[in-house]
Amino acid sequence: MARLEEIENDLANRQNVLESAASQWFVAKRDREHKRAVEFLKAEGSVAERNAIADRVTAREGAQQEAEYEALKAVVRTLDTRASIGMSLLRAQGRAA
C-alpha cells in the first residue's frame, strides 16, 4: 500500500512537468511546421528538391522539446503500469484473505 502511495505522489509531481513539456513540444512542432512551409516556398527546384531543402533546414527544430516530452510520457506510462500491477496484487491478496 505504501508503494502505491509513493507512485501516486510521483505521478502527481510529474503531472505539471509533463503538461509543461507537452505544451512546449506542441508549440515547437507548430513553429517547425511553419518554418518548413516557409523554407519550402523559398526553395527552388522540383517539389522533391524543395521538400528535401525544407526538411534539411528544419530537421532539428524542436528536437529537445520532443525528447523531453517523450521521455516524461514514457516515465508516466511506466508508473501507471506499476500502479496497475500493485492494485491487482492488492485485490488478489484481498480475495485470498
PDB file of N, CA and C in Angstrom:
ATOM      1  N   MET A   1       0.826  -1.191   0.000  1.00  0.00           N
ATOM      2  CA  MET A   1       0.000   0.000   0.000  1.00  0.00           C
ATOM      3  C   MET A   1       0.872   1.259   0.000  1.00  0.00           C
ATOM      4  N   ALA A   2       1.938   1.232   0.772  1.00  0.00           N
ATOM      5  CA  ALA A   2       2.834   2.394   0.816  1.00  0.00           C
ATOM      6  C   ALA A   2       3.460   2.648  -0.551  1.00  0.00           C
ATOM      7  N   ARG A   3       3.757   1.561  -1.250  1.00  0.00           N
ATOM      8  CA  ARG A   3       4.370   1.707  -2.584  1.00  0.00           C
ATOM      9  C   ARG A   3       3.404   2.386  -3.551  1.00  0.00           C
ATOM     10  N   LEU A   4       2.122   2.043  -3.478  1.00  0.00           N
ATOM     11  CA  LEU A   4       1.129   2.695  -4.330  1.00  0.00           C
ATOM     12  C   LEU A   4       1.020   4.190  -4.009  1.00  0.00           C
ATOM     13  N   GLU A   5       1.123   4.515  -2.738  1.00  0.00           N
ATOM     14  CA  GLU A   5       1.091   5.934  -2.344  1.00  0.00           C
ATOM     15  C   GLU A   5       2.300   6.675  -2.905  1.00  0.00           C
ATOM     16  N   GLU A   6       3.456   6.023  -2.903  1.00  0.00           N
ATOM     17  CA  GLU A   6       4.659   6.635  -3.483  1.00  0.00           C
ATOM     18  C   GLU A   6       4.472   6.873  -4.977  1.00  0.00           C
ATOM     19  N   ILE A   7       3.902   5.886  -5.665  1.00  0.00           N
ATOM     20  CA  ILE A   7       3.668   6.027  -7.099  1.00  0.00           C
ATOM     21  C   ILE A   7       2.675   7.157  -7.362  1.00  0.00           C
ATOM     22  N   GLU A   8       1.620   7.211  -6.555  1.00  0.00           N
ATOM     23  CA  GLU A   8       0.626   8.278  -6.707  1.00  0.00           C
ATOM     24  C   GLU A   8       1.267   9.656  -6.524  1.00  0.00           C
ATOM     25  N   ASN A   9       2.102   9.803  -5.510  1.00  0.00           N
ATOM     26  CA  ASN A   9       2.786  11.074  -5.272  1.00  0.00           C
ATOM     27  C   ASN A   9       3.733  11.416  -6.413  1.00  0.00           C
ATOM     28  N   ASP A  10       4.441  10.409  -6.903  1.00  0.00           N
ATOM     29  CA  ASP A  10       5.362  10.619  -8.018  1.00  0.00           C
ATOM     30  C   ASP A  10       4.601  11.083  -9.255  1.00  0.00           C
ATOM     31  N   LEU A  11       3.473  10.429  -9.544  1.00  0.00           N
ATOM     32  CA  LEU A  11       2.659  10.837 -10.694  1.00  0.00           C
ATOM     33  C   LEU A  11       2.133  12.262 -10.533  1.00  0.00           C
ATOM     34  N   ALA A  12       1.693  12.595  -9.336  1.00  0.00           N
ATOM     35  CA  ALA A  12       1.184  13.944  -9.086  1.00  0.00           C
ATOM     36  C   ALA A  12       2.278  14.989  -9.301  1.00  0.00           C
ATOM     37  N   ASN A  13       3.485  14.679  -8.848  1.00  0.00           N
ATOM     38  CA  ASN A  13       4.600  15.612  -9.024  1.00  0.00           C
ATOM     39  C   ASN A  13       4.989  15.770 -10.486  1.00  0.00           C
ATOM     40  N   ARG A  14       4.890  14.702 -11.231  1.00  0.00           N
ATOM     41  CA  ARG A  14       5.303  14.738 -12.642  1.00  0.00           C
ATOM     42  C   ARG A  14       4.235  15.311 -13.569  1.00  0.00           C
ATOM     43  N   GLN A  15       3.000  15.385 -13.108  1.00  0.00           N
ATOM     44  CA  GLN A  15       1.911  15.829 -13.971  1.00  0.00           C
ATOM     45  C   GLN A  15       2.157  17.227 -14.532  1.00  0.00           C
ATOM     46  N   ASN A  16       2.511  18.174 -13.678  1.00  0.00           N
ATOM     47  CA  ASN A  16       2.750  19.543 -14.149  1.00  0.00           C
ATOM     48  C   ASN A  16       3.942  19.616 -15.096  1.00  0.00           C
ATOM     49  N   VAL A  17       4.978  18.847 -14.783  1.00  0.00           N
ATOM     50  CA  VAL A  17       6.160  18.827 -15.643  1.00  0.00           C
ATOM     51  C   VAL A  17       5.804  18.248 -17.011  1.00  0.00           C
ATOM     52  N   LEU A  18       5.015  17.175 -17.011  1.00  0.00           N
ATOM     53  CA  LEU A  18       4.590  16.553 -18.274  1.00  0.00           C
ATOM     54  C   LEU A  18       3.726  17.518 -19.085  1.00  0.00           C
ATOM     55  N   GLU A  19       2.801  18.186 -18.429  1.00  0.00           N
ATOM     56  CA  GLU A  19       1.934  19.142 -19.131  1.00  0.00           C
ATOM     57  C   GLU A  19       2.746  20.283 -19.727  1.00  0.00           C
ATOM     58  N   SER A  20       3.713  20.765 -18.991  1.00  0.00           N
ATOM     59  CA  SER A  20       4.579  21.834 -19.500  1.00  0.00           C
ATOM     60  C   SER A  20       5.396  21.356 -20.687  1.00  0.00           C
ATOM     61  N   ALA A  21       5.955  20.159 -20.579  1.00  0.00           N
ATOM     62  CA  ALA A  21       6.750  19.605 -21.684  1.00  0.00           C
ATOM     63  C   ALA A  21       5.884  19.390 -22.916  1.00  0.00           C
ATOM     64  N   ALA A  22       4.662  18.924 -22.718  1.00  0.00           N
ATOM     65  CA  ALA A  22       3.745  18.715 -23.844  1.00  0.00           C
ATOM     66  C   ALA A  22       3.437  20.040 -24.523  1.00  0.00           C
ATOM     67  N   SER A  23       3.179  21.056 -23.736  1.00  0.00           N
ATOM     68  CA  SER A  23       2.894  22.376 -24.296  1.00  0.00           C
ATOM     69  C   SER A  23       4.077  22.910 -25.096  1.00  0.00           C
ATOM     70  N   GLN A  24       5.266  22.799 -24.531  1.00  0.00           N
ATOM     71  CA  GLN A  24       6.464  23.268 -25.228  1.00  0.00           C
ATOM     72  C   GLN A  24       6.700  22.496 -26.512  1.00  0.00           C
ATOM     73  N   TRP A  25       6.463  21.171 -26.491  1.00  0.00           N
ATOM     74  CA  TRP A  25       6.669  20.359 -27.679  1.00  0.00           C
ATOM     75  C   TRP A  25       5.672  20.734 -28.775  1.00  0.00           C
ATOM     76  N   PHE A  26       4.404  20.929 -28.426  1.00  0.00           N
ATOM     77  CA  PHE A  26       3.430  21.235 -29.456  1.00  0.00           C
ATOM     78  C   PHE A  26       3.632  22.630 -30.038  1.00  0.00           C
ATOM     79  N   VAL A  27       4.096  23.570 -29.237  1.00  0.00           N
ATOM     80  CA  VAL A  27       4.444  24.890 -29.774  1.00  0.00           C
ATOM     81  C   VAL A  27       5.643  24.773 -30.711  1.00  0.00           C
ATOM     82  N   ALA A  28       6.666  24.031 -30.278  1.00  0.00           N
ATOM     83  CA  ALA A  28       7.864  23.843 -31.122  1.00  0.00           C
ATOM     84  C   ALA A  28       7.506  23.119 -32.416  1.00  0.00           C
ATOM     85  N   LYS A  29       6.595  22.167 -32.328  1.00  0.00           N
ATOM     86  CA  LYS A  29       6.171  21.412 -33.513  1.00  0.00           C
ATOM     87  C   LYS A  29       5.488  22.339 -34.513  1.00  0.00           C
ATOM     88  N   ARG A  30       4.611  23.187 -34.038  1.00  0.00           N
ATOM     89  CA  ARG A  30       3.935  24.149 -34.924  1.00  0.00           C
ATOM     90  C   ARG A  30       4.934  25.135 -35.525  1.00  0.00           C
ATOM     91  N   ASP A  31       5.865  25.589 -34.710  1.00  0.00           N
ATOM     92  CA  ASP A  31       6.902  26.503 -35.222  1.00  0.00           C
ATOM     93  C   ASP A  31       7.724  25.824 -36.312  1.00  0.00           C
ATOM     94  N   ARG A  32       8.067  24.548 -36.084  1.00  0.00           N
ATOM     95  CA  ARG A  32       8.836  23.807 -37.081  1.00  0.00           C
ATOM     96  C   ARG A  32       8.039  23.641 -38.370  1.00  0.00           C
ATOM     97  N   GLU A  33       6.765  23.317 -38.252  1.00  0.00           N
ATOM     98  CA  GLU A  33       5.925  23.160 -39.440  1.00  0.00           C
ATOM     99  C   GLU A  33       5.823  24.474 -40.221  1.00  0.00           C
ATOM    100  N   HIS A  34       5.701  25.573 -39.494  1.00  0.00           N
ATOM    101  CA  HIS A  34       5.639  26.880 -40.153  1.00  0.00           C
ATOM    102  C   HIS A  34       6.949  27.197 -40.861  1.00  0.00           C
ATOM    103  N   LYS A  35       8.054  26.976 -40.161  1.00  0.00           N
ATOM    104  CA  LYS A  35       9.359  27.250 -40.759  1.00  0.00           C
ATOM    105  C   LYS A  35       9.589  26.356 -41.975  1.00  0.00           C
ATOM    106  N   ARG A  36       9.161  25.105 -41.901  1.00  0.00           N
ATOM    107  CA  ARG A  36       9.314  24.196 -43.033  1.00  0.00           C
ATOM    108  C   ARG A  36       8.519  24.704 -44.238  1.00  0.00           C
ATOM    109  N   ALA A  37       7.302  25.183 -43.998  1.00  0.00           N
ATOM    110  CA  ALA A  37       6.480  25.713 -45.095  1.00  0.00           C
ATOM    111  C   ALA A  37       7.144  26.929 -45.730  1.00  0.00           C
ATOM    112  N   VAL A  38       7.689  27.808 -44.896  1.00  0.00           N
ATOM    113  CA  VAL A  38       8.381  28.995 -45.408  1.00  0.00           C
ATOM    114  C   VAL A  38       9.594  28.590 -46.229  1.00  0.00           C
ATOM    115  N   GLU A  39      10.377  27.639 -45.718  1.00  0.00           N
ATOM    116  CA  GLU A  39      11.564  27.184 -46.434  1.00  0.00           C
ATOM    117  C   GLU A  39      11.195  26.491 -47.743  1.00  0.00           C
ATOM    118  N   PHE A  40      10.107  25.751 -47.737  1.00  0.00           N
ATOM    119  CA  PHE A  40       9.646  25.090 -48.953  1.00  0.00           C
ATOM    120  C   PHE A  40       9.296  26.136 -50.017  1.00  0.00           C
ATOM    121  N   LEU A  41       8.595  27.178 -49.604  1.00  0.00           N
ATOM    122  CA  LEU A  41       8.196  28.215 -50.559  1.00  0.00           C
ATOM    123  C   LEU A  41       9.387  29.022 -51.068  1.00  0.00           C
ATOM    124  N   LYS A  42      10.417  29.187 -50.246  1.00  0.00           N
ATOM    125  CA  LYS A  42      11.615  29.929 -50.654  1.00  0.00           C
ATOM    126  C   LYS A  42      12.507  29.124 -51.587  1.00  0.00           C
ATOM    127  N   ALA A  43      12.464  27.806 -51.456  1.00  0.00           N
ATOM    128  CA  ALA A  43      13.376  26.941 -52.214  1.00  0.00           C
ATOM    129  C   ALA A  43      13.009  26.919 -53.701  1.00  0.00           C
ATOM    130  N   GLU A  44      14.010  26.583 -54.484  1.00  0.00           N
ATOM    131  CA  GLU A  44      13.800  26.442 -55.926  1.00  0.00           C
ATOM    132  C   GLU A  44      14.098  25.011 -56.326  1.00  0.00           C
ATOM    133  N   GLY A  45      13.463  24.572 -57.418  1.00  0.00           N
ATOM    134  CA  GLY A  45      13.671  23.222 -57.924  1.00  0.00           C
ATOM    135  C   GLY A  45      12.362  22.476 -57.997  1.00  0.00           C
ATOM    136  N   SER A  46      12.467  21.179 -58.186  1.00  0.00           N
ATOM    137  CA  SER A  46      11.265  20.342 -58.236  1.00  0.00           C
ATOM    138  C   SER A  46      10.644  20.255 -56.843  1.00  0.00           C
ATOM    139  N   VAL A  47       9.462  19.725 -56.785  1.00  0.00           N
ATOM    140  CA  VAL A  47       8.788  19.570 -55.486  1.00  0.00           C
ATOM    141  C   VAL A  47       9.631  18.691 -54.558  1.00  0.00           C
ATOM    142  N   ALA A  48      10.181  17.631 -55.086  1.00  0.00           N
ATOM    143  CA  ALA A  48      11.016  16.742 -54.268  1.00  0.00           C
ATOM    144  C   ALA A  48      12.241  17.477 -53.743  1.00  0.00           C
ATOM    145  N   GLU A  49      12.870  18.280 -54.587  1.00  0.00           N
ATOM    146  CA  GLU A  49      14.043  19.047 -54.152  1.00  0.00           C
ATOM    147  C   GLU A  49      13.662  20.085 -53.110  1.00  0.00           C
ATOM    148  N   ARG A  50      12.543  20.734 -53.329  1.00  0.00           N
ATOM    149  CA  ARG A  50      12.085  21.741 -52.358  1.00  0.00           C
ATOM    150  C   ARG A  50      11.755  21.097 -51.020  1.00  0.00           C
ATOM    151  N   ASN A  51      11.127  19.920 -51.059  1.00  0.00           N
ATOM    152  CA  ASN A  51      10.843  19.181 -49.815  1.00  0.00           C
ATOM    153  C   ASN A  51      12.130  18.818 -49.101  1.00  0.00           C
ATOM    154  N   ALA A  52      13.111  18.352 -49.840  1.00  0.00           N
ATOM    155  CA  ALA A  52      14.396  17.961 -49.246  1.00  0.00           C
ATOM    156  C   ALA A  52      15.076  19.157 -48.605  1.00  0.00           C
ATOM    157  N   ILE A  53      15.056  20.291 -49.275  1.00  0.00           N
ATOM    158  CA  ILE A  53      15.674  21.508 -48.727  1.00  0.00           C
ATOM    159  C   ILE A  53      14.960  21.931 -47.448  1.00  0.00           C
ATOM    160  N   ALA A  54      13.642  21.968 -47.493  1.00  0.00           N
ATOM    161  CA  ALA A  54      12.862  22.375 -46.317  1.00  0.00           C
ATOM    162  C   ALA A  54      13.087  21.418 -45.153  1.00  0.00           C
ATOM    163  N   ASP A  55      13.144  20.120 -45.449  1.00  0.00           N
ATOM    164  CA  ASP A  55      13.391  19.135 -44.390  1.00  0.00           C
ATOM    165  C   ASP A  55      14.783  19.303 -43.792  1.00  0.00           C
ATOM    166  N   ARG A  56      15.768  19.543 -44.643  1.00  0.00           N
ATOM    167  CA  ARG A  56      17.144  19.702 -44.166  1.00  0.00           C
ATOM    168  C   ARG A  56      17.261  20.911 -43.242  1.00  0.00           C
ATOM    169  N   VAL A  57      16.624  21.996 -43.608  1.00  0.00           N
ATOM    170  CA  VAL A  57      16.723  23.225 -42.817  1.00  0.00           C
ATOM    171  C   VAL A  57      16.022  23.081 -41.466  1.00  0.00           C
ATOM    172  N   THR A  58      14.946  22.325 -41.413  1.00  0.00           N
ATOM    173  CA  THR A  58      14.131  22.274 -40.190  1.00  0.00           C
ATOM    174  C   THR A  58      14.222  20.960 -39.415  1.00  0.00           C
ATOM    175  N   ALA A  59      15.050  20.058 -39.837  1.00  0.00           N
ATOM    176  CA  ALA A  59      15.082  18.708 -39.245  1.00  0.00           C
ATOM    177  C   ALA A  59      15.331  18.704 -37.739  1.00  0.00           C
ATOM    178  N   ARG A  60      16.124  19.602 -37.239  1.00  0.00           N
ATOM    179  CA  ARG A  60      16.476  19.589 -35.808  1.00  0.00           C
ATOM    180  C   ARG A  60      15.633  20.540 -34.965  1.00  0.00           C
ATOM    181  N   GLU A  61      14.723  21.237 -35.593  1.00  0.00           N
ATOM    182  CA  GLU A  61      13.851  22.167 -34.861  1.00  0.00           C
ATOM    183  C   GLU A  61      12.968  21.393 -33.876  1.00  0.00           C
ATOM    184  N   GLY A  62      12.954  21.789 -32.631  1.00  0.00           N
ATOM    185  CA  GLY A  62      12.090  21.183 -31.627  1.00  0.00           C
ATOM    186  C   GLY A  62      12.536  19.829 -31.115  1.00  0.00           C
ATOM    187  N   ALA A  63      13.732  19.399 -31.481  1.00  0.00           N
ATOM    188  CA  ALA A  63      14.189  18.064 -31.072  1.00  0.00           C
ATOM    189  C   ALA A  63      14.278  17.934 -29.550  1.00  0.00           C
ATOM    190  N   GLN A  64      14.777  18.946 -28.886  1.00  0.00           N
ATOM    191  CA  GLN A  64      14.906  18.902 -27.420  1.00  0.00           C
ATOM    192  C   GLN A  64      13.537  18.828 -26.751  1.00  0.00           C
ATOM    193  N   GLN A  65      12.606  19.639 -27.222  1.00  0.00           N
ATOM    194  CA  GLN A  65      11.260  19.635 -26.637  1.00  0.00           C
ATOM    195  C   GLN A  65      10.571  18.292 -26.858  1.00  0.00           C
ATOM    196  N   GLU A  66      10.734  17.724 -28.048  1.00  0.00           N
ATOM    197  CA  GLU A  66      10.138  16.423 -28.326  1.00  0.00           C
ATOM    198  C   GLU A  66      10.743  15.346 -27.441  1.00  0.00           C
ATOM    199  N   ALA A  67      12.045  15.375 -27.280  1.00  0.00           N
ATOM    200  CA  ALA A  67      12.725  14.370 -26.460  1.00  0.00           C
ATOM    201  C   ALA A  67      12.271  14.445 -25.003  1.00  0.00           C
ATOM    202  N   GLU A  68      12.172  15.655 -24.464  1.00  0.00           N
ATOM    203  CA  GLU A  68      11.722  15.798 -23.080  1.00  0.00           C
ATOM    204  C   GLU A  68      10.295  15.300 -22.903  1.00  0.00           C
ATOM    205  N   TYR A  69       9.430  15.661 -23.830  1.00  0.00           N
ATOM    206  CA  TYR A  69       8.033  15.234 -23.748  1.00  0.00           C
ATOM    207  C   TYR A  69       7.926  13.712 -23.834  1.00  0.00           C
ATOM    208  N   GLU A  70       8.589  13.109 -24.800  1.00  0.00           N
ATOM    209  CA  GLU A  70       8.514  11.661 -24.972  1.00  0.00           C
ATOM    210  C   GLU A  70       9.106  10.925 -23.776  1.00  0.00           C
ATOM    211  N   ALA A  71      10.187  11.445 -23.211  1.00  0.00           N
ATOM    212  CA  ALA A  71      10.805  10.803 -22.044  1.00  0.00           C
ATOM    213  C   ALA A  71       9.865  10.847 -20.842  1.00  0.00           C
ATOM    214  N   LEU A  72       9.269  12.001 -20.596  1.00  0.00           N
ATOM    215  CA  LEU A  72       8.336  12.118 -19.470  1.00  0.00           C
ATOM    216  C   LEU A  72       7.101  11.258 -19.681  1.00  0.00           C
ATOM    217  N   LYS A  73       6.635  11.190 -20.909  1.00  0.00           N
ATOM    218  CA  LYS A  73       5.472  10.368 -21.226  1.00  0.00           C
ATOM    219  C   LYS A  73       5.778   8.894 -20.937  1.00  0.00           C
ATOM    220  N   ALA A  74       6.972   8.452 -21.271  1.00  0.00           N
ATOM    221  CA  ALA A  74       7.363   7.068 -21.013  1.00  0.00           C
ATOM    222  C   ALA A  74       7.435   6.784 -19.515  1.00  0.00           C
ATOM    223  N   VAL A  75       7.968   7.725 -18.751  1.00  0.00           N
ATOM    224  CA  VAL A  75       8.052   7.547 -17.294  1.00  0.00           C
ATOM    225  C   VAL A  75       6.662   7.443 -16.695  1.00  0.00           C
ATOM    226  N   VAL A  76       5.760   8.297 -17.124  1.00  0.00           N
ATOM    227  CA  VAL A  76       4.398   8.273 -16.586  1.00  0.00           C
ATOM    228  C   VAL A  76       3.695   6.970 -16.965  1.00  0.00           C
ATOM    229  N   ARG A  77       3.897   6.494 -18.186  1.00  0.00           N
ATOM    230  CA  ARG A  77       3.313   5.198 -18.586  1.00  0.00           C
ATOM    231  C   ARG A  77       3.833   4.071 -17.703  1.00  0.00           C
ATOM    232  N   THR A  78       5.116   4.101 -17.412  1.00  0.00           N
ATOM    233  CA  THR A  78       5.710   3.072 -16.552  1.00  0.00           C
ATOM    234  C   THR A  78       5.117   3.135 -15.150  1.00  0.00           C
ATOM    235  N   LEU A  79       4.978   4.334 -14.612  1.00  0.00           N
ATOM    236  CA  LEU A  79       4.383   4.478 -13.280  1.00  0.00           C
ATOM    237  C   LEU A  79       2.936   4.011 -13.276  1.00  0.00           C
ATOM    238  N   ASP A  80       2.187   4.308 -14.333  1.00  0.00           N
ATOM    239  CA  ASP A  80       0.803   3.833 -14.437  1.00  0.00           C
ATOM    240  C   ASP A  80       0.747   2.312 -14.424  1.00  0.00           C
ATOM    241  N   THR A  81       1.646   1.703 -15.172  1.00  0.00           N
ATOM    242  CA  THR A  81       1.686   0.242 -15.229  1.00  0.00           C
ATOM    243  C   THR A  81       2.017  -0.340 -13.860  1.00  0.00           C
ATOM    244  N   ARG A  82       2.995   0.261 -13.193  1.00  0.00           N
ATOM    245  CA  ARG A  82       3.370  -0.228 -11.858  1.00  0.00           C
ATOM    246  C   ARG A  82       2.214  -0.080 -10.882  1.00  0.00           C
ATOM    247  N   ALA A  83       1.478   1.011 -10.978  1.00  0.00           N
ATOM    248  CA  ALA A  83       0.323   1.218 -10.101  1.00  0.00           C
ATOM    249  C   ALA A  83      -0.756   0.178 -10.391  1.00  0.00           C
ATOM    250  N   SER A  84      -0.992  -0.119 -11.648  1.00  0.00           N
ATOM    251  CA  SER A  84      -1.992  -1.133 -12.010  1.00  0.00           C
ATOM    252  C   SER A  84      -1.608  -2.504 -11.474  1.00  0.00           C
ATOM    253  N   ILE A  85      -0.346  -2.840 -11.597  1.00  0.00           N
ATOM    254  CA  ILE A  85       0.139  -4.118 -11.062  1.00  0.00           C
ATOM    255  C   ILE A  85      -0.044  -4.158  -9.549  1.00  0.00           C
ATOM    256  N   GLY A  86       0.313  -3.076  -8.883  1.00  0.00           N
ATOM    257  CA  GLY A  86       0.160  -3.005  -7.430  1.00  0.00           C
ATOM    258  C   GLY A  86      -1.287  -3.164  -6.995  1.00  0.00           C
ATOM    259  N   MET A  87      -2.206  -2.508  -7.719  1.00  0.00           N
ATOM    260  CA  MET A  87      -3.629  -2.633  -7.374  1.00  0.00           C
ATOM    261  C   MET A  87      -4.124  -4.054  -7.606  1.00  0.00           C
ATOM    262  N   SER A  88      -3.658  -4.677  -8.679  1.00  0.00           N
ATOM    263  CA  SER A  88      -4.042  -6.068  -8.939  1.00  0.00           C
ATOM    264  C   SER A  88      -3.551  -6.988  -7.829  1.00  0.00           C
ATOM    265  N   LEU A  89      -2.339  -6.767  -7.377  1.00  0.00           N
ATOM    266  CA  LEU A  89      -1.799  -7.572  -6.282  1.00  0.00           C
ATOM    267  C   LEU A  89      -2.605  -7.379  -5.003  1.00  0.00           C
ATOM    268  N   LEU A  90      -2.978  -6.139  -4.708  1.00  0.00           N
ATOM    269  CA  LEU A  90      -3.786  -5.884  -3.510  1.00  0.00           C
ATOM    270  C   LEU A  90      -5.153  -6.558  -3.607  1.00  0.00           C
ATOM    271  N   ARG A  91      -5.773  -6.512  -4.780  1.00  0.00           N
ATOM    272  CA  ARG A  91      -7.069  -7.183  -4.976  1.00  0.00           C
ATOM    273  C   ARG A  91      -6.921  -8.693  -4.782  1.00  0.00           C
ATOM    274  N   ALA A  92      -5.851  -9.233  -5.341  1.00  0.00           N
ATOM    275  CA  ALA A  92      -5.628 -10.674  -5.204  1.00  0.00           C
ATOM    276  C   ALA A  92      -5.406 -11.057  -3.751  1.00  0.00           C
ATOM    277  N   GLN A  93      -4.701 -10.242  -3.018  1.00  0.00           N
ATOM    278  CA  GLN A  93      -4.483 -10.514  -1.586  1.00  0.00           C
ATOM    279  C   GLN A  93      -5.801 -10.420  -0.825  1.00  0.00           C
ATOM    280  N   GLY A  94      -6.627  -9.463  -1.212  1.00  0.00           N
ATOM    281  CA  GLY A  94      -7.920  -9.310  -0.551  1.00  0.00           C
ATOM    282  C   GLY A  94      -8.829 -10.504  -0.769  1.00  0.00           C
ATOM    283  N   ARG A  95      -8.795 -11.070  -1.972  1.00  0.00           N
ATOM    284  CA  ARG A  95      -9.613 -12.242  -2.271  1.00  0.00           C
ATOM    285  C   ARG A  95      -9.074 -13.484  -1.553  1.00  0.00           C
ATOM    286  N   ALA A  96      -7.768 -13.545  -1.389  1.00  0.00           N
ATOM    287  CA  ALA A  96      -7.148 -14.709  -0.745  1.00  0.00           C
ATOM    288  C   ALA A  96      -7.370 -14.702   0.765  1.00  0.00           C
ATOM    289  N   ALA A  97      -7.633 -13.522   1.298  1.00  0.00           N
ATOM    290  CA  ALA A  97      -7.765 -13.411   2.760  1.00  0.00           C
ATOM    291  C   ALA A  97      -9.104 -13.882   3.264  1.00  0.00           C
TER     292      ALA A  97
END
